[in-house]
Amino acid sequence: MIPGAPDPEVQARATRLLGWTPTEWFPVAGGYTPAARYRVTDGPRSAFVKHATTPLTAGMVNREIDAYRRIDAPFLPRLYGAEAHPHTPLLAIEALSDATWPPPWTPAVLDPVLDTIRHMHGLTADLPPRGLGDMTDSGWTVVAEDPSAFLSLGLVTSQWLDHALPLLLAAEASCDTSGTALTHFDLRSDNICMTTSGVKIVDWAEAGVSSPEVDLGFFLPSLAYEGGPLPETILPDAPATAAAVAGFFAARAGLPDIPDAPFVRRVQRQQLSTALPWAIRALNLPQGR
């Protein structure tokens, strides 16, 4: 038995996809869901293997497999093999263990990352439209219906919210997500790395075609939280996008943890801590609480 390896069936499936037999399996920590992740090697060769362990992760890995099959671009890791499955899909891609992962967001890192995002947004793909969809239903509209979870975070007072909510709702409603650009919709530092062959973007489960501005807008709060520039430095004059992004996190960050993804709420609180001030500045709302 190989230490750290999954059950023999998963090992056999990975071997079939790779065309070689991994002799070492190293569990990879990280990620916000309980999907199983491994770096595998037989000595000269290596790969990254991911397989689903729950219904939530099955849906995500299947969507990611579909994206890898439909996108041909240098900023994706090489696809070695994939097996869609209703319950236990499996994906094998290039291992990026030698890559450099931000932060820090120095110009030498951020500039090529932004160039790569622009390159991505200049492409299209045979993928479903990716709009705000349930994001709008779960944005400022839901906060207006029941603000308790949002207010529990202590970022603003109920008096401030009463004043600002009409403007936030109107701006969010005007956010246009239509478009044919290839979009990722999960751009964060843990999904972006630097390699000798350029920037690589991973975790494509949320990919689709949509608005490049909105996709970029969802990246900017985490970038600012990690010491990067303010969102409006990169995306100026975008009040609708700022409101929609802030609304998405405002409706979620104060909710209970997701059992299959317990770290998501923490990250959403971090993103809200910079997304909300961005929306406040973009809409010229009062800064006071």
Protein backbone atom coordinates (compact mmCIF):
# COMPACT_ATOMS: atom_id res chain seq x y z
CA MET A 1 0.00 0.00 0.00
CA ILE A 2 1.31 3.44 -0.96
CA PRO A 3 1.36 5.89 1.98
CA GLY A 4 -1.03 8.80 1.50
CA ALA A 5 -2.66 7.27 -1.56
CA PRO A 6 -6.44 7.05 -2.06
CA ASP A 7 -8.28 3.76 -2.44
CA PRO A 8 -7.11 1.34 -5.15
CA GLU A 9 -9.98 2.20 -7.49
CA VAL A 10 -8.97 5.87 -7.60
CA GLN A 11 -5.34 4.87 -8.11
CA ALA A 12 -6.32 2.61 -11.02
CA ARG A 13 -8.43 5.33 -12.63
CA ALA A 14 -5.59 7.84 -12.34
CA THR A 15 -3.17 5.35 -13.88
CA ARG A 16 -5.49 4.86 -16.86
CA LEU A 17 -5.82 8.61 -17.40
CA LEU A 18 -2.11 9.34 -17.05
CA GLY A 19 -0.81 6.39 -19.01
CA TRP A 20 1.75 5.69 -16.29
CA THR A 21 1.59 4.39 -12.72
CA PRO A 22 2.18 6.85 -9.87
CA THR A 23 4.46 5.35 -7.25
CA GLU A 24 4.05 8.21 -4.77
CA TRP A 25 0.92 10.12 -3.75
CA PHE A 26 1.31 13.34 -1.78
CA PRO A 27 -1.92 14.86 -0.43
CA VAL A 28 -2.16 18.56 -1.28
CA ALA A 29 -3.53 20.83 1.42
CA GLY A 30 -5.64 23.85 0.58
CA GLY A 31 -8.81 24.45 -1.33
CA TYR A 32 -12.13 25.41 0.19
CA THR A 33 -14.01 22.16 -0.44
CA PRO A 34 -13.37 18.54 0.60
CA ALA A 35 -12.36 17.41 -2.89
CA ALA A 36 -9.30 15.16 -2.60
CA ARG A 37 -6.15 16.61 -4.14
CA TYR A 38 -2.80 14.92 -4.73
CA ARG A 39 0.55 15.50 -6.36
CA VAL A 40 1.56 12.17 -7.86
CA THR A 41 4.85 11.05 -9.34
CA ASP A 42 6.70 8.02 -10.63
CA GLY A 43 10.09 9.73 -10.37
CA PRO A 44 10.61 11.50 -13.70
CA ARG A 45 6.94 12.38 -14.23
CA SER A 46 4.42 14.16 -12.05
CA ALA A 47 0.81 15.35 -12.14
CA PHE A 48 -1.91 16.90 -10.02
CA VAL A 49 -4.93 14.67 -9.44
CA LYS A 50 -8.25 15.85 -8.05
CA HIS A 51 -11.34 13.75 -7.40
CA ALA A 52 -14.72 14.48 -5.87
CA THR A 53 -15.75 13.21 -2.45
CA THR A 54 -19.21 14.77 -1.99
CA PRO A 55 -22.17 15.77 -4.20
CA LEU A 56 -21.01 19.41 -4.04
CA THR A 57 -17.50 18.58 -5.19
CA ALA A 58 -18.80 16.19 -7.86
CA GLY A 59 -20.65 19.04 -9.52
CA MET A 60 -17.63 21.30 -9.29
CA VAL A 61 -15.13 18.78 -10.66
CA ASN A 62 -17.48 17.84 -13.51
CA ARG A 63 -17.85 21.52 -14.46
CA GLU A 64 -14.10 21.95 -14.29
CA ILE A 65 -13.56 18.93 -16.54
CA ASP A 66 -15.97 20.45 -19.06
CA ALA A 67 -14.07 23.73 -18.97
CA TYR A 68 -10.69 22.06 -19.53
CA ARG A 69 -12.10 20.23 -22.54
CA ARG A 70 -13.52 23.41 -24.07
CA ILE A 71 -10.75 25.95 -23.41
CA ASP A 72 -7.50 25.92 -25.36
CA ALA A 73 -5.21 28.57 -23.89
CA PRO A 74 -1.65 28.74 -22.55
CA PHE A 75 -2.73 30.01 -19.13
CA LEU A 76 -4.41 26.69 -18.25
CA PRO A 77 -2.32 23.85 -16.84
CA ARG A 78 -1.86 21.01 -19.29
CA LEU A 79 -4.72 18.51 -19.19
CA TYR A 80 -3.43 14.93 -18.88
CA GLY A 81 -6.79 13.23 -18.58
CA ALA A 82 -10.26 13.52 -17.12
CA GLU A 83 -13.16 11.23 -16.35
CA ALA A 84 -16.57 12.77 -15.77
CA HIS A 85 -18.83 10.87 -13.39
CA PRO A 86 -22.09 11.67 -11.57
CA HIS A 87 -20.50 11.03 -8.17
CA THR A 88 -16.72 10.61 -8.41
CA PRO A 89 -15.27 12.56 -11.36
CA LEU A 90 -11.49 12.64 -11.61
CA LEU A 91 -9.20 15.24 -13.17
CA ALA A 92 -5.46 14.93 -13.88
CA ILE A 93 -3.52 18.04 -14.89
CA GLU A 94 -0.04 19.49 -14.87
CA ALA A 95 1.51 19.70 -11.41
CA LEU A 96 2.39 23.27 -10.44
CA SER A 97 4.41 22.49 -7.33
CA ASP A 98 7.39 24.50 -8.63
CA ALA A 99 5.29 27.58 -9.37
CA THR A 100 5.33 30.82 -7.38
CA TRP A 101 2.01 31.81 -5.83
CA PRO A 102 1.17 35.38 -4.81
CA PRO A 103 1.04 37.40 -2.64
CA PRO A 104 3.08 39.55 -2.44
CA TRP A 105 1.57 41.45 -5.35
CA THR A 106 4.67 43.19 -6.65
CA PRO A 107 4.49 44.87 -10.08
CA ALA A 108 6.57 42.00 -11.46
CA VAL A 109 3.76 39.63 -10.46
CA LEU A 110 0.65 41.76 -10.87
CA ASP A 111 1.45 43.17 -14.32
CA PRO A 112 1.70 39.77 -16.08
CA VAL A 113 -1.34 38.51 -14.15
CA LEU A 114 -3.43 41.44 -15.38
CA ASP A 115 -2.06 40.90 -18.91
CA THR A 116 -3.12 37.25 -18.70
CA ILE A 117 -6.61 38.19 -17.50
CA ARG A 118 -6.90 40.61 -20.43
CA HIS A 119 -5.78 37.80 -22.75
CA MET A 120 -8.42 35.50 -21.27
CA HIS A 121 -11.11 38.14 -21.69
CA GLY A 122 -10.13 38.51 -25.34
CA LEU A 123 -11.09 34.89 -25.95
CA THR A 124 -14.41 33.09 -26.00
CA ALA A 125 -15.35 29.46 -25.45
CA ASP A 126 -18.23 27.06 -25.94
CA LEU A 127 -19.36 27.43 -22.33
CA PRO A 128 -22.66 28.50 -20.76
CA PRO A 129 -23.34 32.19 -20.10
CA ARG A 130 -22.11 33.17 -16.67
CA GLY A 131 -24.16 36.06 -15.32
CA LEU A 132 -24.87 37.29 -11.85
CA GLY A 133 -27.88 34.97 -11.88
CA ASP A 134 -28.37 33.86 -8.32
CA MET A 135 -25.81 36.46 -7.31
CA THR A 136 -28.37 39.20 -7.96
CA ASP A 137 -31.02 37.24 -6.09
CA SER A 138 -28.59 36.91 -3.20
CA GLY A 139 -27.12 40.41 -3.30
CA TRP A 140 -28.45 43.66 -1.91
CA THR A 141 -32.01 42.48 -2.60
CA VAL A 142 -31.65 39.75 0.00
CA VAL A 143 -29.84 42.09 2.38
CA ALA A 144 -32.82 44.43 2.06
CA GLU A 145 -35.23 41.60 2.90
CA ASP A 146 -33.27 40.53 5.98
CA PRO A 147 -30.21 42.61 6.86
CA SER A 148 -29.45 40.80 10.12
CA ALA A 149 -26.62 38.58 8.84
CA PHE A 150 -24.91 41.49 7.10
CA LEU A 151 -25.33 43.86 10.04
CA SER A 152 -23.97 41.21 12.41
CA LEU A 153 -20.56 41.74 10.83
CA GLY A 154 -20.39 45.22 12.36
CA LEU A 155 -19.21 46.95 9.20
CA VAL A 156 -22.07 49.48 9.09
CA THR A 157 -25.04 50.50 11.20
CA SER A 158 -28.68 49.94 10.35
CA GLN A 159 -29.05 53.71 9.92
CA TRP A 160 -26.27 53.78 7.34
CA LEU A 161 -27.81 50.82 5.52
CA ASP A 162 -31.24 52.46 5.41
CA HIS A 163 -29.69 55.47 3.70
CA ALA A 164 -27.39 53.60 1.32
CA LEU A 165 -29.55 50.64 0.32
CA PRO A 166 -31.66 52.38 -2.37
CA LEU A 167 -28.50 53.51 -4.18
CA LEU A 168 -26.83 50.11 -3.81
CA LEU A 169 -29.92 48.31 -5.12
CA ALA A 170 -30.21 50.60 -8.13
CA ALA A 171 -26.54 50.30 -9.01
CA GLU A 172 -26.56 46.53 -8.61
CA ALA A 173 -29.63 46.22 -10.84
CA SER A 174 -27.82 48.13 -13.59
CA CYS A 175 -24.84 45.76 -13.63
CA ASP A 176 -24.67 44.19 -17.09
CA THR A 177 -23.17 40.70 -17.15
CA SER A 178 -23.89 39.96 -20.79
CA GLY A 179 -20.96 39.19 -23.04
CA THR A 180 -19.11 36.48 -24.90
CA ALA A 181 -15.74 36.78 -23.17
CA LEU A 182 -14.18 33.77 -21.49
CA THR A 183 -14.54 34.44 -17.77
CA HIS A 184 -13.27 32.55 -14.73
CA PHE A 185 -15.39 34.01 -11.88
CA ASP A 186 -13.10 32.67 -9.16
CA LEU A 187 -9.97 34.74 -9.66
CA ARG A 188 -7.98 34.86 -6.43
CA SER A 189 -4.34 34.42 -5.45
CA ASP A 190 -4.86 30.74 -4.60
CA ASN A 191 -5.98 30.16 -8.20
CA ILE A 192 -3.18 32.10 -9.93
CA CYS A 193 0.52 31.27 -10.10
CA MET A 194 3.71 32.15 -11.95
CA THR A 195 5.62 29.46 -13.84
CA THR A 196 8.62 29.47 -16.15
CA SER A 197 6.17 29.31 -19.06
CA GLY A 198 3.99 32.17 -17.83
CA VAL A 199 0.96 32.77 -15.64
CA LYS A 200 -1.30 29.79 -14.96
CA ILE A 201 -4.89 30.00 -13.74
CA VAL A 202 -6.46 26.98 -12.03
CA ASP A 203 -9.85 25.90 -10.63
CA TRP A 204 -12.15 26.46 -13.61
CA ALA A 205 -15.42 25.16 -12.13
CA GLU A 206 -17.13 28.56 -12.40
CA ALA A 207 -15.96 29.37 -15.93
CA GLY A 208 -18.36 30.64 -18.56
CA VAL A 209 -18.88 33.47 -21.02
CA SER A 210 -19.84 36.81 -19.57
CA SER A 211 -18.72 40.38 -18.94
CA PRO A 212 -14.96 40.89 -18.57
CA GLU A 213 -15.57 43.87 -16.28
CA VAL A 214 -17.62 41.85 -13.81
CA ASP A 215 -15.14 38.97 -13.81
CA LEU A 216 -12.29 41.38 -13.13
CA GLY A 217 -14.41 43.15 -10.52
CA PHE A 218 -14.76 39.96 -8.50
CA PHE A 219 -10.96 39.57 -8.42
CA LEU A 220 -10.15 43.07 -7.18
CA PRO A 221 -11.40 42.90 -3.55
CA SER A 222 -9.16 39.95 -2.70
CA LEU A 223 -6.27 41.62 -4.51
CA ALA A 224 -6.71 44.76 -2.39
CA TYR A 225 -7.08 42.69 0.79
CA GLU A 226 -3.70 41.07 0.09
CA GLY A 227 -1.91 44.39 -0.25
CA GLY A 228 -2.53 45.08 -3.92
CA PRO A 229 -3.91 48.32 -5.35
CA LEU A 230 -7.39 49.61 -4.65
CA PRO A 231 -10.01 48.23 -7.06
CA GLU A 232 -10.66 51.57 -8.76
CA THR A 233 -6.97 51.86 -9.62
CA ILE A 234 -7.45 48.96 -12.02
CA LEU A 235 -11.16 49.32 -12.79
CA PRO A 236 -12.15 53.00 -12.54
CA ASP A 237 -15.65 54.38 -13.07
CA ALA A 238 -17.42 51.07 -12.44
CA PRO A 239 -20.09 51.81 -9.80
CA ALA A 240 -22.50 49.11 -11.01
CA THR A 241 -19.84 46.42 -10.86
CA ALA A 242 -18.61 47.64 -7.48
CA ALA A 243 -22.16 47.52 -6.09
CA ALA A 244 -22.84 44.05 -7.51
CA VAL A 245 -19.58 42.62 -6.19
CA ALA A 246 -20.11 44.13 -2.74
CA GLY A 247 -23.71 42.90 -2.71
CA PHE A 248 -22.65 39.36 -3.52
CA PHE A 249 -20.34 39.25 -0.50
CA ALA A 250 -22.67 41.28 1.74
CA ALA A 251 -25.40 38.67 1.28
CA ARG A 252 -23.09 35.77 2.16
CA ALA A 253 -20.28 36.78 4.49
CA GLY A 254 -22.43 36.81 7.63
CA LEU A 255 -24.18 33.50 6.99
CA PRO A 256 -23.30 30.26 8.83
CA ASP A 257 -20.38 28.23 7.55
CA ILE A 258 -20.99 25.86 4.64
CA PRO A 259 -20.44 22.28 5.94
CA ASP A 260 -18.63 21.15 2.78
CA ALA A 261 -16.65 24.40 2.51
CA PRO A 262 -16.10 25.78 6.02
CA PHE A 263 -13.46 28.36 5.02
CA VAL A 264 -15.55 30.11 2.36
CA ARG A 265 -17.30 32.50 4.76
CA ARG A 266 -13.97 33.67 6.17
CA VAL A 267 -12.72 34.48 2.67
CA GLN A 268 -15.98 36.22 1.83
CA ARG A 269 -15.63 38.39 4.93
CA GLN A 270 -12.14 39.33 3.78
CA GLN A 271 -13.42 40.19 0.31
CA LEU A 272 -16.32 42.20 1.71
CA SER A 273 -13.92 44.23 3.85
CA THR A 274 -12.49 45.76 0.67
CA ALA A 275 -15.47 45.37 -1.70
CA LEU A 276 -17.82 47.42 0.47
CA PRO A 277 -15.47 50.42 0.75
CA TRP A 278 -14.98 50.23 -3.03
CA ALA A 279 -18.75 50.43 -3.57
CA ILE A 280 -18.98 53.28 -1.05
CA ARG A 281 -16.33 55.27 -2.91
CA ALA A 282 -17.72 54.43 -6.36
CA LEU A 283 -21.24 55.55 -5.40
CA ASN A 284 -20.10 58.51 -3.28
CA LEU A 285 -21.89 57.11 -0.25
CA PRO A 286 -21.15 58.48 3.20
CA GLN A 287 -18.05 56.93 4.73
CA GLY A 288 -19.33 57.06 8.28
CA ARG A 289 -21.01 54.07 9.88
